Amino acid sequence: MAKQEKFEDKIASLEKIINDLENGNSSLDESIDKYREAMKLVKECDEKLKKVEEEVTKLVTEDDNLEDFKVEE
C-alpha cells in the first residue's frame, strides 16, 4: 500500500513544479508532463480542502447545538 502524501508535501511539490515551469528550462514535453502533475496535485489539494471544510462545518454545527459552554474566569 502506497503511503499517502501530506497536504503540505503536495503544496511543496506544486510550488516546485510552478518554479520549474516559470524557469522555462524544460522541454515542451517535460513542461506538459509537469503541468499535468501540477493539475493532479491541485485537484487532490482541492478535494482535501473541501473535506476539511465539511468537517469544520459539521463541528461548528454540532457545537452550536450544544448548551452554552462558558469558561469560568
C-alpha atoms as a PDB file:
ATOM      1  CA  MET A   1       0.000   0.000   0.000  1.00  0.00           C
ATOM      2  CA  ALA A   2       1.416   3.389  -1.007  1.00  0.00           C
ATOM      3  CA  LYS A   3       1.903   5.975   1.712  1.00  0.00           C
ATOM      4  CA  GLN A   4      -0.336   8.993   1.254  1.00  0.00           C
ATOM      5  CA  GLU A   5       1.469  12.270   0.841  1.00  0.00           C
ATOM      6  CA  LYS A   6       0.605  15.003   3.342  1.00  0.00           C
ATOM      7  CA  PHE A   7      -1.272  18.073   2.151  1.00  0.00           C
ATOM      8  CA  GLU A   8       1.732  20.274   2.946  1.00  0.00           C
ATOM      9  CA  ASP A   9       4.008  17.985   0.920  1.00  0.00           C
ATOM     10  CA  LYS A  10       1.650  18.229  -2.044  1.00  0.00           C
ATOM     11  CA  ILE A  11       1.685  22.017  -1.819  1.00  0.00           C
ATOM     12  CA  ALA A  12       5.500  21.989  -1.689  1.00  0.00           C
ATOM     13  CA  SER A  13       5.600  19.721  -4.770  1.00  0.00           C
ATOM     14  CA  LEU A  14       3.182  22.028  -6.549  1.00  0.00           C
ATOM     15  CA  GLU A  15       5.336  25.059  -5.742  1.00  0.00           C
ATOM     16  CA  LYS A  16       8.418  23.284  -7.089  1.00  0.00           C
ATOM     17  CA  ILE A  17       6.640  22.415 -10.329  1.00  0.00           C
ATOM     18  CA  ILE A  18       5.460  26.010 -10.714  1.00  0.00           C
ATOM     19  CA  ASN A  19       9.006  27.287 -10.194  1.00  0.00           C
ATOM     20  CA  ASP A  20      10.326  24.771 -12.736  1.00  0.00           C
ATOM     21  CA  LEU A  21       7.737  25.858 -15.291  1.00  0.00           C
ATOM     22  CA  GLU A  22       8.443  29.541 -14.673  1.00  0.00           C
ATOM     23  CA  ASN A  23      12.169  28.947 -15.239  1.00  0.00           C
ATOM     24  CA  GLY A  24      11.443  27.816 -18.762  1.00  0.00           C
ATOM     25  CA  ASN A  25      14.374  25.383 -18.772  1.00  0.00           C
ATOM     26  CA  SER A  26      12.233  22.339 -19.574  1.00  0.00           C
ATOM     27  CA  SER A  27      11.417  20.989 -22.990  1.00  0.00           C
ATOM     28  CA  LEU A  28       7.856  21.277 -24.241  1.00  0.00           C
ATOM     29  CA  ASP A  29       7.149  17.619 -23.450  1.00  0.00           C
ATOM     30  CA  GLU A  30       8.634  17.968 -19.952  1.00  0.00           C
ATOM     31  CA  SER A  31       6.598  21.115 -19.383  1.00  0.00           C
ATOM     32  CA  ILE A  32       3.397  19.362 -20.406  1.00  0.00           C
ATOM     33  CA  ASP A  33       4.157  16.459 -18.058  1.00  0.00           C
ATOM     34  CA  LYS A  34       4.875  18.892 -15.219  1.00  0.00           C
ATOM     35  CA  TYR A  35       1.660  20.775 -15.968  1.00  0.00           C
ATOM     36  CA  ARG A  36      -0.334  17.516 -15.824  1.00  0.00           C
ATOM     37  CA  GLU A  37       1.271  16.625 -12.496  1.00  0.00           C
ATOM     38  CA  ALA A  38       0.530  20.106 -11.168  1.00  0.00           C
ATOM     39  CA  MET A  39      -3.133  19.841 -12.173  1.00  0.00           C
ATOM     40  CA  LYS A  40      -3.354  16.439 -10.454  1.00  0.00           C
ATOM     41  CA  LEU A  41      -1.921  17.967  -7.270  1.00  0.00           C
ATOM     42  CA  VAL A  42      -4.300  20.931  -7.473  1.00  0.00           C
ATOM     43  CA  LYS A  43      -7.258  18.551  -7.736  1.00  0.00           C
ATOM     44  CA  GLU A  44      -6.069  16.449  -4.788  1.00  0.00           C
ATOM     45  CA  CYS A  45      -5.461  19.532  -2.638  1.00  0.00           C
ATOM     46  CA  ASP A  46      -8.845  20.982  -3.572  1.00  0.00           C
ATOM     47  CA  GLU A  47     -10.575  17.727  -2.611  1.00  0.00           C
ATOM     48  CA  LYS A  48      -8.743  17.658   0.718  1.00  0.00           C
ATOM     49  CA  LEU A  49      -9.680  21.262   1.466  1.00  0.00           C
ATOM     50  CA  LYS A  50     -13.326  20.546   0.671  1.00  0.00           C
ATOM     51  CA  LYS A  51     -13.318  17.555   3.057  1.00  0.00           C
ATOM     52  CA  VAL A  52     -11.738  19.626   5.806  1.00  0.00           C
ATOM     53  CA  GLU A  53     -14.241  22.424   5.231  1.00  0.00           C
ATOM     54  CA  GLU A  54     -17.100  19.921   5.569  1.00  0.00           C
ATOM     55  CA  GLU A  55     -15.602  18.567   8.799  1.00  0.00           C
ATOM     56  CA  VAL A  56     -15.205  22.056  10.259  1.00  0.00           C
ATOM     57  CA  THR A  57     -18.754  22.992   9.249  1.00  0.00           C
ATOM     58  CA  LYS A  58     -20.033  19.824  10.900  1.00  0.00           C
ATOM     59  CA  LEU A  59     -18.077  20.545  14.083  1.00  0.00           C
ATOM     60  CA  VAL A  60     -19.323  24.126  14.228  1.00  0.00           C
ATOM     61  CA  THR A  61     -22.902  22.995  13.616  1.00  0.00           C
ATOM     62  CA  GLU A  62     -22.654  20.359  16.327  1.00  0.00           C
ATOM     63  CA  ASP A  63     -21.100  22.908  18.674  1.00  0.00           C
ATOM     64  CA  ASP A  64     -23.957  25.337  18.014  1.00  0.00           C
ATOM     65  CA  ASN A  65     -26.378  22.623  19.117  1.00  0.00           C
ATOM     66  CA  LEU A  66     -24.668  22.178  22.483  1.00  0.00           C
ATOM     67  CA  GLU A  67     -25.767  24.078  25.523  1.00  0.00           C
ATOM     68  CA  ASP A  68     -23.924  27.294  26.146  1.00  0.00           C
ATOM     69  CA  PHE A  69     -20.495  26.437  27.433  1.00  0.00           C
ATOM     70  CA  LYS A  70     -18.760  29.112  29.412  1.00  0.00           C
ATOM     71  CA  VAL A  71     -15.294  29.107  30.833  1.00  0.00           C
ATOM     72  CA  GLU A  72     -15.107  30.394  34.352  1.00  0.00           C
ATOM     73  CA  GLU A  73     -12.638  33.197  34.778  1.00  0.00           C
END
